[in-house]
Full PDB file with SEQRES, HELIX, SHEET, SSBOND, CRYST1, ORIGX, SCALE, CONECT and MASTER records, all heavy atoms in Angstrom:
SEQRES   1 A   35  ARG CYS PRO THR CYS HIS ASN ILE MET GLU ASN SER THR          
SEQRES   2 A   35  VAL ILE SER GLU GLU CYS LYS LYS GLN LEU GLN GLY LEU          
SEQRES   3 A   35  LEU ASP LYS TYR TYR PRO ILE GLU ILE                          
HELIX    1 AA1 CYS A    5  GLU A   10  1                                   6    
HELIX    2 AA2 GLU A   17  GLU A   34  1                                  18    
CRYST1    1.000    1.000    1.000  90.00  90.00  90.00 P 1           1          
ORIGX1      1.000000  0.000000  0.000000        0.00000                         
ORIGX2      0.000000  1.000000  0.000000        0.00000                         
ORIGX3      0.000000  0.000000  1.000000        0.00000                         
SCALE1      1.000000  0.000000  0.000000        0.00000                         
SCALE2      0.000000  1.000000  0.000000        0.00000                         
SCALE3      0.000000  0.000000  1.000000        0.00000                         
ATOM      1  N   ARG A   1      -2.291 -12.591 -20.744  1.00  0.00           N  
ATOM      2  CA  ARG A   1      -3.525 -13.348 -20.584  1.00  0.00           C  
ATOM      3  C   ARG A   1      -3.561 -14.016 -19.238  1.00  0.00           C  
ATOM      4  O   ARG A   1      -2.583 -14.592 -18.797  1.00  0.00           O  
ATOM      5  CB  ARG A   1      -3.637 -14.413 -21.688  1.00  0.00           C  
ATOM      6  CG  ARG A   1      -4.087 -13.926 -23.042  1.00  0.00           C  
ATOM      7  CD  ARG A   1      -5.541 -13.560 -23.101  1.00  0.00           C  
ATOM      8  NE  ARG A   1      -6.476 -14.649 -22.806  1.00  0.00           N  
ATOM      9  CZ  ARG A   1      -6.990 -15.457 -23.686  1.00  0.00           C  
ATOM     10  NH1 ARG A   1      -6.720 -15.298 -24.993  1.00  0.00           N  
ATOM     11  NH2 ARG A   1      -7.825 -16.394 -23.340  1.00  0.00           N  
ATOM     12  N   CYS A   2      -4.730 -13.993 -18.594  1.00  0.00           N  
ATOM     13  CA  CYS A   2      -4.919 -14.691 -17.320  1.00  0.00           C  
ATOM     14  C   CYS A   2      -5.479 -16.077 -17.591  1.00  0.00           C  
ATOM     15  O   CYS A   2      -6.204 -16.269 -18.574  1.00  0.00           O  
ATOM     16  CB  CYS A   2      -5.864 -13.874 -16.437  1.00  0.00           C  
ATOM     17  SG  CYS A   2      -5.126 -12.331 -15.862  1.00  0.00           S  
ATOM     18  N   PRO A   3      -5.205 -17.013 -16.717  1.00  0.00           N  
ATOM     19  CA  PRO A   3      -5.646 -18.381 -16.977  1.00  0.00           C  
ATOM     20  C   PRO A   3      -7.125 -18.650 -16.631  1.00  0.00           C  
ATOM     21  O   PRO A   3      -7.662 -18.048 -15.688  1.00  0.00           O  
ATOM     22  CB  PRO A   3      -4.761 -19.207 -16.048  1.00  0.00           C  
ATOM     23  CG  PRO A   3      -4.451 -18.310 -14.884  1.00  0.00           C  
ATOM     24  CD  PRO A   3      -4.391 -16.928 -15.480  1.00  0.00           C  
ATOM     25  N   THR A   4      -7.738 -19.531 -17.400  1.00  0.00           N  
ATOM     26  CA  THR A   4      -9.041 -20.071 -17.070  1.00  0.00           C  
ATOM     27  C   THR A   4      -8.856 -21.210 -16.064  1.00  0.00           C  
ATOM     28  O   THR A   4      -7.689 -21.597 -15.811  1.00  0.00           O  
ATOM     29  CB  THR A   4      -9.772 -20.600 -18.309  1.00  0.00           C  
ATOM     30  OG1 THR A   4      -8.983 -21.728 -18.810  1.00  0.00           O  
ATOM     31  CG2 THR A   4      -9.885 -19.564 -19.384  1.00  0.00           C  
ATOM     32  N   CYS A   5      -9.941 -21.798 -15.586  1.00  0.00           N  
ATOM     33  CA  CYS A   5      -9.829 -22.940 -14.688  1.00  0.00           C  
ATOM     34  C   CYS A   5      -9.033 -24.070 -15.337  1.00  0.00           C  
ATOM     35  O   CYS A   5      -8.188 -24.712 -14.722  1.00  0.00           O  
ATOM     36  CB  CYS A   5     -11.210 -23.466 -14.296  1.00  0.00           C  
ATOM     37  SG  CYS A   5     -12.138 -22.332 -13.280  1.00  0.00           S  
ATOM     38  N   HIS A   6      -9.317 -24.339 -16.621  1.00  0.00           N  
ATOM     39  CA  HIS A   6      -8.588 -25.402 -17.326  1.00  0.00           C  
ATOM     40  C   HIS A   6      -7.135 -25.016 -17.451  1.00  0.00           C  
ATOM     41  O   HIS A   6      -6.242 -25.872 -17.269  1.00  0.00           O  
ATOM     42  CB  HIS A   6      -9.203 -25.664 -18.719  1.00  0.00           C  
ATOM     43  CG  HIS A   6     -10.467 -26.482 -18.686  1.00  0.00           C  
ATOM     44  ND1 HIS A   6     -11.711 -25.935 -18.614  1.00  0.00           N  
ATOM     45  CD2 HIS A   6     -10.645 -27.835 -18.696  1.00  0.00           C  
ATOM     46  CE1 HIS A   6     -12.640 -26.891 -18.586  1.00  0.00           C  
ATOM     47  NE2 HIS A   6     -12.002 -28.071 -18.652  1.00  0.00           N  
ATOM     48  N   ASN A   7      -6.854 -23.728 -17.794  1.00  0.00           N  
ATOM     49  CA  ASN A   7      -5.441 -23.291 -17.928  1.00  0.00           C  
ATOM     50  C   ASN A   7      -4.675 -23.444 -16.646  1.00  0.00           C  
ATOM     51  O   ASN A   7      -3.472 -23.758 -16.652  1.00  0.00           O  
ATOM     52  CB  ASN A   7      -5.366 -21.818 -18.341  1.00  0.00           C  
ATOM     53  CG  ASN A   7      -5.998 -21.485 -19.668  1.00  0.00           C  
ATOM     54  OD1 ASN A   7      -6.473 -20.351 -19.841  1.00  0.00           O  
ATOM     55  ND2 ASN A   7      -6.009 -22.424 -20.599  1.00  0.00           N  
ATOM     56  N   ILE A   8      -5.323 -23.210 -15.489  1.00  0.00           N  
ATOM     57  CA  ILE A   8      -4.667 -23.336 -14.186  1.00  0.00           C  
ATOM     58  C   ILE A   8      -4.087 -24.746 -14.040  1.00  0.00           C  
ATOM     59  O   ILE A   8      -2.931 -24.926 -13.640  1.00  0.00           O  
ATOM     60  CB  ILE A   8      -5.601 -23.012 -13.024  1.00  0.00           C  
ATOM     61  CG1 ILE A   8      -5.903 -21.505 -12.985  1.00  0.00           C  
ATOM     62  CG2 ILE A   8      -5.044 -23.458 -11.670  1.00  0.00           C  
ATOM     63  CD1 ILE A   8      -7.018 -21.071 -12.040  1.00  0.00           C  
ATOM     64  N   MET A   9      -4.878 -25.729 -14.443  1.00  0.00           N  
ATOM     65  CA  MET A   9      -4.394 -27.130 -14.399  1.00  0.00           C  
ATOM     66  C   MET A   9      -3.307 -27.350 -15.447  1.00  0.00           C  
ATOM     67  O   MET A   9      -2.235 -27.928 -15.151  1.00  0.00           O  
ATOM     68  CB  MET A   9      -5.523 -28.096 -14.641  1.00  0.00           C  
ATOM     69  CG  MET A   9      -6.648 -28.078 -13.619  1.00  0.00           C  
ATOM     70  SD  MET A   9      -6.058 -28.346 -11.915  1.00  0.00           S  
ATOM     71  CE  MET A   9      -5.310 -29.948 -12.048  1.00  0.00           C  
ATOM     72  N   GLU A  10      -3.541 -26.803 -16.648  1.00  0.00           N  
ATOM     73  CA  GLU A  10      -2.629 -27.055 -17.759  1.00  0.00           C  
ATOM     74  C   GLU A  10      -1.246 -26.438 -17.545  1.00  0.00           C  
ATOM     75  O   GLU A  10      -0.252 -26.940 -18.000  1.00  0.00           O  
ATOM     76  CB  GLU A  10      -3.246 -26.512 -19.065  1.00  0.00           C  
ATOM     77  CG  GLU A  10      -4.447 -27.321 -19.509  1.00  0.00           C  
ATOM     78  CD  GLU A  10      -5.380 -26.550 -20.443  1.00  0.00           C  
ATOM     79  OE1 GLU A  10      -4.973 -25.531 -20.993  1.00  0.00           O  
ATOM     80  OE2 GLU A  10      -6.561 -26.991 -20.596  1.00  0.00           O  
ATOM     81  N   ASN A  11      -1.232 -25.295 -16.833  1.00  0.00           N  
ATOM     82  CA  ASN A  11       0.043 -24.599 -16.627  1.00  0.00           C  
ATOM     83  C   ASN A  11       0.815 -25.119 -15.386  1.00  0.00           C  
ATOM     84  O   ASN A  11       1.902 -24.639 -15.088  1.00  0.00           O  
ATOM     85  CB  ASN A  11      -0.210 -23.096 -16.431  1.00  0.00           C  
ATOM     86  CG  ASN A  11      -0.853 -22.444 -17.626  1.00  0.00           C  
ATOM     87  OD1 ASN A  11      -0.798 -22.997 -18.714  1.00  0.00           O  
ATOM     88  ND2 ASN A  11      -1.495 -21.308 -17.434  1.00  0.00           N  
ATOM     89  N   SER A  12       0.237 -26.070 -14.701  1.00  0.00           N  
ATOM     90  CA  SER A  12       0.799 -26.457 -13.412  1.00  0.00           C  
ATOM     91  C   SER A  12       1.788 -27.603 -13.517  1.00  0.00           C  
ATOM     92  O   SER A  12       1.907 -28.253 -14.574  1.00  0.00           O  
ATOM     93  CB  SER A  12      -0.353 -26.904 -12.470  1.00  0.00           C  
ATOM     94  OG  SER A  12      -0.815 -28.169 -12.866  1.00  0.00           O  
ATOM     95  N   THR A  13       2.465 -27.861 -12.420  1.00  0.00           N  
ATOM     96  CA  THR A  13       3.467 -28.916 -12.395  1.00  0.00           C  
ATOM     97  C   THR A  13       2.852 -30.314 -12.335  1.00  0.00           C  
ATOM     98  O   THR A  13       3.572 -31.288 -12.450  1.00  0.00           O  
ATOM     99  CB  THR A  13       4.407 -28.725 -11.158  1.00  0.00           C  
ATOM    100  OG1 THR A  13       3.564 -28.598 -10.006  1.00  0.00           O  
ATOM    101  CG2 THR A  13       5.243 -27.479 -11.301  1.00  0.00           C  
ATOM    102  N   VAL A  14       1.518 -30.382 -12.154  1.00  0.00           N  
ATOM    103  CA  VAL A  14       0.885 -31.733 -12.083  1.00  0.00           C  
ATOM    104  C   VAL A  14       0.673 -32.301 -13.461  1.00  0.00           C  
ATOM    105  O   VAL A  14       0.251 -33.458 -13.605  1.00  0.00           O  
ATOM    106  CB  VAL A  14      -0.455 -31.711 -11.305  1.00  0.00           C  
ATOM    107  CG1 VAL A  14      -0.264 -31.269  -9.883  1.00  0.00           C  
ATOM    108  CG2 VAL A  14      -1.502 -30.836 -12.000  1.00  0.00           C  
ATOM    109  N   ILE A  15       0.989 -31.532 -14.508  1.00  0.00           N  
ATOM    110  CA  ILE A  15       0.784 -31.955 -15.907  1.00  0.00           C  
ATOM    111  C   ILE A  15       2.149 -32.112 -16.564  1.00  0.00           C  
ATOM    112  O   ILE A  15       3.002 -31.253 -16.450  1.00  0.00           O  
ATOM    113  CB  ILE A  15      -0.026 -30.913 -16.669  1.00  0.00           C  
ATOM    114  CG1 ILE A  15      -1.372 -30.633 -15.991  1.00  0.00           C  
ATOM    115  CG2 ILE A  15      -0.236 -31.306 -18.137  1.00  0.00           C  
ATOM    116  CD1 ILE A  15      -2.351 -31.700 -16.129  1.00  0.00           C  
ATOM    117  N   SER A  16       2.340 -33.193 -17.316  1.00  0.00           N  
ATOM    118  CA  SER A  16       3.633 -33.407 -18.014  1.00  0.00           C  
ATOM    119  C   SER A  16       3.778 -32.448 -19.188  1.00  0.00           C  
ATOM    120  O   SER A  16       2.777 -31.914 -19.702  1.00  0.00           O  
ATOM    121  CB  SER A  16       3.724 -34.845 -18.544  1.00  0.00           C  
ATOM    122  OG  SER A  16       2.811 -35.004 -19.610  1.00  0.00           O  
ATOM    123  N   GLU A  17       5.008 -32.214 -19.629  1.00  0.00           N  
ATOM    124  CA  GLU A  17       5.270 -31.297 -20.748  1.00  0.00           C  
ATOM    125  C   GLU A  17       4.560 -31.795 -22.026  1.00  0.00           C  
ATOM    126  O   GLU A  17       4.043 -31.018 -22.802  1.00  0.00           O  
ATOM    127  CB  GLU A  17       6.780 -31.192 -21.005  1.00  0.00           C  
ATOM    128  CG  GLU A  17       7.521 -30.343 -19.954  1.00  0.00           C  
ATOM    129  CD  GLU A  17       6.890 -28.978 -19.706  1.00  0.00           C  
ATOM    130  OE1 GLU A  17       6.592 -28.285 -20.709  1.00  0.00           O  
ATOM    131  OE2 GLU A  17       6.674 -28.624 -18.531  1.00  0.00           O  
ATOM    132  N   GLU A  18       4.574 -33.117 -22.226  1.00  0.00           N  
ATOM    133  CA  GLU A  18       3.926 -33.689 -23.400  1.00  0.00           C  
ATOM    134  C   GLU A  18       2.413 -33.397 -23.394  1.00  0.00           C  
ATOM    135  O   GLU A  18       1.826 -33.012 -24.416  1.00  0.00           O  
ATOM    136  CB  GLU A  18       4.193 -35.212 -23.423  1.00  0.00           C  
ATOM    137  CG  GLU A  18       3.529 -35.928 -24.595  1.00  0.00           C  
ATOM    138  CD  GLU A  18       3.826 -35.344 -25.964  1.00  0.00           C  
ATOM    139  OE1 GLU A  18       4.971 -34.875 -26.201  1.00  0.00           O  
ATOM    140  OE2 GLU A  18       2.905 -35.368 -26.801  1.00  0.00           O  
ATOM    141  N   CYS A  19       1.815 -33.552 -22.218  1.00  0.00           N  
ATOM    142  CA  CYS A  19       0.374 -33.307 -22.080  1.00  0.00           C  
ATOM    143  C   CYS A  19       0.086 -31.818 -22.312  1.00  0.00           C  
ATOM    144  O   CYS A  19      -0.912 -31.472 -22.948  1.00  0.00           O  
ATOM    145  CB  CYS A  19      -0.102 -33.725 -20.682  1.00  0.00           C  
ATOM    146  SG  CYS A  19      -1.858 -33.555 -20.451  1.00  0.00           S  
ATOM    147  N   LYS A  20       0.956 -30.946 -21.798  1.00  0.00           N  
ATOM    148  CA  LYS A  20       0.774 -29.478 -21.992  1.00  0.00           C  
ATOM    149  C   LYS A  20       0.733 -29.171 -23.489  1.00  0.00           C  
ATOM    150  O   LYS A  20      -0.073 -28.373 -23.965  1.00  0.00           O  
ATOM    151  CB  LYS A  20       1.907 -28.716 -21.313  1.00  0.00           C  
ATOM    152  CG  LYS A  20       1.704 -28.616 -19.801  1.00  0.00           C  
ATOM    153  CD  LYS A  20       2.861 -27.886 -19.135  1.00  0.00           C  
ATOM    154  CE  LYS A  20       2.678 -27.929 -17.635  1.00  0.00           C  
ATOM    155  NZ  LYS A  20       3.709 -27.300 -16.852  1.00  0.00           N  
ATOM    156  N   LYS A  21       1.677 -29.805 -24.235  1.00  0.00           N  
ATOM    157  CA  LYS A  21       1.723 -29.573 -25.671  1.00  0.00           C  
ATOM    158  C   LYS A  21       0.432 -29.989 -26.347  1.00  0.00           C  
ATOM    159  O   LYS A  21      -0.104 -29.297 -27.219  1.00  0.00           O  
ATOM    160  CB  LYS A  21       2.868 -30.387 -26.278  1.00  0.00           C  
ATOM    161  CG  LYS A  21       4.185 -29.613 -26.374  1.00  0.00           C  
ATOM    162  CD  LYS A  21       5.179 -30.390 -27.221  1.00  0.00           C  
ATOM    163  CE  LYS A  21       6.531 -30.288 -26.568  1.00  0.00           C  
ATOM    164  NZ  LYS A  21       7.357 -31.466 -26.698  1.00  0.00           N  
ATOM    165  N   GLN A  22      -0.095 -31.147 -25.933  1.00  0.00           N  
ATOM    166  CA  GLN A  22      -1.344 -31.640 -26.546  1.00  0.00           C  
ATOM    167  C   GLN A  22      -2.534 -30.716 -26.189  1.00  0.00           C  
ATOM    168  O   GLN A  22      -3.362 -30.450 -27.063  1.00  0.00           O  
ATOM    169  CB  GLN A  22      -1.598 -33.056 -26.065  1.00  0.00           C  
ATOM    170  CG  GLN A  22      -0.620 -34.082 -26.647  1.00  0.00           C  
ATOM    171  CD  GLN A  22      -0.862 -35.466 -26.039  1.00  0.00           C  
ATOM    172  OE1 GLN A  22      -0.581 -35.744 -24.904  1.00  0.00           O  
ATOM    173  NE2 GLN A  22      -1.395 -36.347 -26.878  1.00  0.00           N  
ATOM    174  N   LEU A  23      -2.571 -30.265 -24.955  1.00  0.00           N  
ATOM    175  CA  LEU A  23      -3.651 -29.363 -24.535  1.00  0.00           C  
ATOM    176  C   LEU A  23      -3.581 -28.041 -25.301  1.00  0.00           C  
ATOM    177  O   LEU A  23      -4.587 -27.469 -25.724  1.00  0.00           O  
ATOM    178  CB  LEU A  23      -3.603 -29.122 -23.031  1.00  0.00           C  
ATOM    179  CG  LEU A  23      -4.037 -30.306 -22.184  1.00  0.00           C  
ATOM    180  CD1 LEU A  23      -3.567 -30.163 -20.759  1.00  0.00           C  
ATOM    181  CD2 LEU A  23      -5.554 -30.491 -22.195  1.00  0.00           C  
ATOM    182  N   GLN A  24      -2.337 -27.538 -25.515  1.00  0.00           N  
ATOM    183  CA  GLN A  24      -2.149 -26.289 -26.271  1.00  0.00           C  
ATOM    184  C   GLN A  24      -2.605 -26.504 -27.714  1.00  0.00           C  
ATOM    185  O   GLN A  24      -3.234 -25.621 -28.301  1.00  0.00           O  
ATOM    186  CB  GLN A  24      -0.683 -25.890 -26.266  1.00  0.00           C  
ATOM    187  CG  GLN A  24      -0.376 -24.554 -26.929  1.00  0.00           C  
ATOM    188  CD  GLN A  24      -1.111 -23.375 -26.322  1.00  0.00           C  
ATOM    189  OE1 GLN A  24      -1.147 -23.225 -25.104  1.00  0.00           O  
ATOM    190  NE2 GLN A  24      -1.720 -22.534 -27.134  1.00  0.00           N  
ATOM    191  N   GLY A  25      -2.344 -27.681 -28.236  1.00  0.00           N  
ATOM    192  CA  GLY A  25      -2.803 -28.008 -29.599  1.00  0.00           C  
ATOM    193  C   GLY A  25      -4.309 -27.956 -29.721  1.00  0.00           C  
ATOM    194  O   GLY A  25      -4.859 -27.423 -30.701  1.00  0.00           O  
ATOM    195  N   LEU A  26      -4.991 -28.464 -28.685  1.00  0.00           N  
ATOM    196  CA  LEU A  26      -6.464 -28.387 -28.654  1.00  0.00           C  
ATOM    197  C   LEU A  26      -6.947 -26.944 -28.637  1.00  0.00           C  
ATOM    198  O   LEU A  26      -7.890 -26.573 -29.342  1.00  0.00           O  
ATOM    199  CB  LEU A  26      -7.042 -29.145 -27.470  1.00  0.00           C  
ATOM    200  CG  LEU A  26      -6.801 -30.673 -27.419  1.00  0.00           C  
ATOM    201  CD1 LEU A  26      -7.426 -31.246 -26.131  1.00  0.00           C  
ATOM    202  CD2 LEU A  26      -7.379 -31.372 -28.633  1.00  0.00           C  
ATOM    203  N   LEU A  27      -6.290 -26.123 -27.809  1.00  0.00           N  
ATOM    204  CA  LEU A  27      -6.661 -24.717 -27.719  1.00  0.00           C  
ATOM    205  C   LEU A  27      -6.515 -24.015 -29.065  1.00  0.00           C  
ATOM    206  O   LEU A  27      -7.388 -23.319 -29.521  1.00  0.00           O  
ATOM    207  CB  LEU A  27      -5.798 -24.028 -26.666  1.00  0.00           C  
ATOM    208  CG  LEU A  27      -6.028 -22.528 -26.458  1.00  0.00           C  
ATOM    209  CD1 LEU A  27      -7.355 -22.279 -25.732  1.00  0.00           C  
ATOM    210  CD2 LEU A  27      -4.907 -21.873 -25.668  1.00  0.00           C  
ATOM    211  N   ASP A  28      -5.345 -24.246 -29.707  1.00  0.00           N  
ATOM    212  CA  ASP A  28      -5.090 -23.614 -30.998  1.00  0.00           C  
ATOM    213  C   ASP A  28      -6.117 -24.049 -32.043  1.00  0.00           C  
ATOM    214  O   ASP A  28      -6.462 -23.256 -32.921  1.00  0.00           O  
ATOM    215  CB  ASP A  28      -3.676 -24.003 -31.465  1.00  0.00           C  
ATOM    216  CG  ASP A  28      -2.583 -23.427 -30.564  1.00  0.00           C  
ATOM    217  OD1 ASP A  28      -2.895 -22.501 -29.774  1.00  0.00           O  
ATOM    218  OD2 ASP A  28      -1.446 -23.917 -30.612  1.00  0.00           O  
ATOM    219  N   LYS A  29      -6.600 -25.279 -31.933  1.00  0.00           N  
ATOM    220  CA  LYS A  29      -7.549 -25.814 -32.887  1.00  0.00           C  
ATOM    221  C   LYS A  29      -8.993 -25.298 -32.645  1.00  0.00           C  
ATOM    222  O   LYS A  29      -9.679 -24.891 -33.547  1.00  0.00           O  
ATOM    223  CB  LYS A  29      -7.511 -27.334 -32.830  1.00  0.00           C  
ATOM    224  CG  LYS A  29      -8.511 -28.016 -33.763  1.00  0.00           C  
ATOM    225  CD  LYS A  29      -8.406 -29.543 -33.638  1.00  0.00           C  
ATOM    226  CE  LYS A  29      -9.467 -30.292 -34.449  1.00  0.00           C  
ATOM    227  NZ  LYS A  29      -9.396 -31.732 -34.256  1.00  0.00           N  
ATOM    228  N   TYR A  30      -9.394 -25.345 -31.374  1.00  0.00           N  
ATOM    229  CA  TYR A  30     -10.822 -25.148 -31.079  1.00  0.00           C  
ATOM    230  C   TYR A  30     -11.182 -23.704 -30.644  1.00  0.00           C  
ATOM    231  O   TYR A  30     -12.310 -23.299 -30.826  1.00  0.00           O  
ATOM    232  CB  TYR A  30     -11.275 -26.119 -30.001  1.00  0.00           C  
ATOM    233  CG  TYR A  30     -11.362 -27.556 -30.461  1.00  0.00           C  
ATOM    234  CD1 TYR A  30     -10.496 -28.527 -29.958  1.00  0.00           C  
ATOM    235  CD2 TYR A  30     -12.314 -27.958 -31.419  1.00  0.00           C  
ATOM    236  CE1 TYR A  30     -10.571 -29.842 -30.355  1.00  0.00           C  
ATOM    237  CE2 TYR A  30     -12.402 -29.283 -31.829  1.00  0.00           C  
ATOM    238  CZ  TYR A  30     -11.518 -30.240 -31.314  1.00  0.00           C  
ATOM    239  OH  TYR A  30     -11.617 -31.521 -31.707  1.00  0.00           O  
ATOM    240  N   TYR A  31     -10.242 -22.983 -30.023  1.00  0.00           N  
ATOM    241  CA  TYR A  31     -10.603 -21.625 -29.523  1.00  0.00           C  
ATOM    242  C   TYR A  31     -11.065 -20.702 -30.675  1.00  0.00           C  
ATOM    243  O   TYR A  31     -12.054 -19.986 -30.516  1.00  0.00           O  
ATOM    244  CB  TYR A  31      -9.446 -21.020 -28.738  1.00  0.00           C  
ATOM    245  CG  TYR A  31      -9.747 -19.614 -28.209  1.00  0.00           C  
ATOM    246  CD1 TYR A  31     -10.752 -19.416 -27.272  1.00  0.00           C  
ATOM    247  CD2 TYR A  31      -9.048 -18.502 -28.636  1.00  0.00           C  
ATOM    248  CE1 TYR A  31     -11.060 -18.139 -26.786  1.00  0.00           C  
ATOM    249  CE2 TYR A  31      -9.321 -17.215 -28.175  1.00  0.00           C  
ATOM    250  CZ  TYR A  31     -10.341 -17.054 -27.241  1.00  0.00           C  
ATOM    251  OH  TYR A  31     -10.631 -15.799 -26.773  1.00  0.00           O  
ATOM    252  N   PRO A  32     -10.373 -20.706 -31.838  1.00  0.00           N  
ATOM    253  CA  PRO A  32     -10.849 -19.859 -32.930  1.00  0.00           C  
ATOM    254  C   PRO A  32     -12.256 -20.213 -33.352  1.00  0.00           C  
ATOM    255  O   PRO A  32     -13.051 -19.358 -33.766  1.00  0.00           O  
ATOM    256  CB  PRO A  32      -9.842 -20.152 -34.057  1.00  0.00           C  
ATOM    257  CG  PRO A  32      -8.620 -20.616 -33.369  1.00  0.00           C  
ATOM    258  CD  PRO A  32      -9.075 -21.380 -32.166  1.00  0.00           C  
ATOM    259  N   ILE A  33     -12.651 -21.473 -33.250  1.00  0.00           N  
ATOM    260  CA  ILE A  33     -14.016 -21.902 -33.575  1.00  0.00           C  
ATOM    261  C   ILE A  33     -14.974 -21.350 -32.528  1.00  0.00           C  
ATOM    262  O   ILE A  33     -16.034 -20.801 -32.896  1.00  0.00           O  
ATOM    263  CB  ILE A  33     -14.124 -23.461 -33.622  1.00  0.00           C  
ATOM    264  CG1 ILE A  33     -13.205 -24.039 -34.739  1.00  0.00           C  
ATOM    265  CG2 ILE A  33     -15.577 -23.906 -33.792  1.00  0.00           C  
ATOM    266  CD1 ILE A  33     -13.098 -25.550 -34.720  1.00  0.00           C  
ATOM    267  N   GLU A  34     -14.586 -21.418 -31.263  1.00  0.00           N  
ATOM    268  CA  GLU A  34     -15.466 -20.958 -30.183  1.00  0.00           C  
ATOM    269  C   GLU A  34     -15.851 -19.503 -30.344  1.00  0.00           C  
ATOM    270  O   GLU A  34     -17.002 -19.121 -30.107  1.00  0.00           O  
ATOM    271  CB  GLU A  34     -14.777 -21.126 -28.815  1.00  0.00           C  
ATOM    272  CG  GLU A  34     -15.601 -20.694 -27.637  1.00  0.00           C  
ATOM    273  CD  GLU A  34     -14.862 -20.726 -26.307  1.00  0.00           C  
ATOM    274  OE1 GLU A  34     -13.680 -21.095 -26.253  1.00  0.00           O  
ATOM    275  OE2 GLU A  34     -15.478 -20.327 -25.321  1.00  0.00           O  
ATOM    276  N   ILE A  35     -14.905 -18.664 -30.759  1.00  0.00           N  
ATOM    277  CA  ILE A  35     -15.170 -17.222 -30.811  1.00  0.00           C  
ATOM    278  C   ILE A  35     -15.486 -16.700 -32.209  1.00  0.00           C  
ATOM    279  O   ILE A  35     -15.587 -15.522 -32.415  1.00  0.00           O  
ATOM    280  CB  ILE A  35     -14.023 -16.404 -30.190  1.00  0.00           C  
ATOM    281  CG1 ILE A  35     -12.752 -16.530 -30.974  1.00  0.00           C  
ATOM    282  CG2 ILE A  35     -13.811 -16.764 -28.713  1.00  0.00           C  
ATOM    283  CD1 ILE A  35     -11.688 -15.523 -30.628  1.00  0.00           C  
TER     284      ILE A  35                                                      
MASTER        0    0    0    2    0    0    0    6  283    1    0    3          
END                                                                             
């Protein structure tokens, strides 16, 4: 999978590991709803 604009930020070193986990949690929750 290639990153979206949000993923580019989320996968980067400017985001803490804890924040990455929380963002992934949001993706897992909301992406299935989106599609």
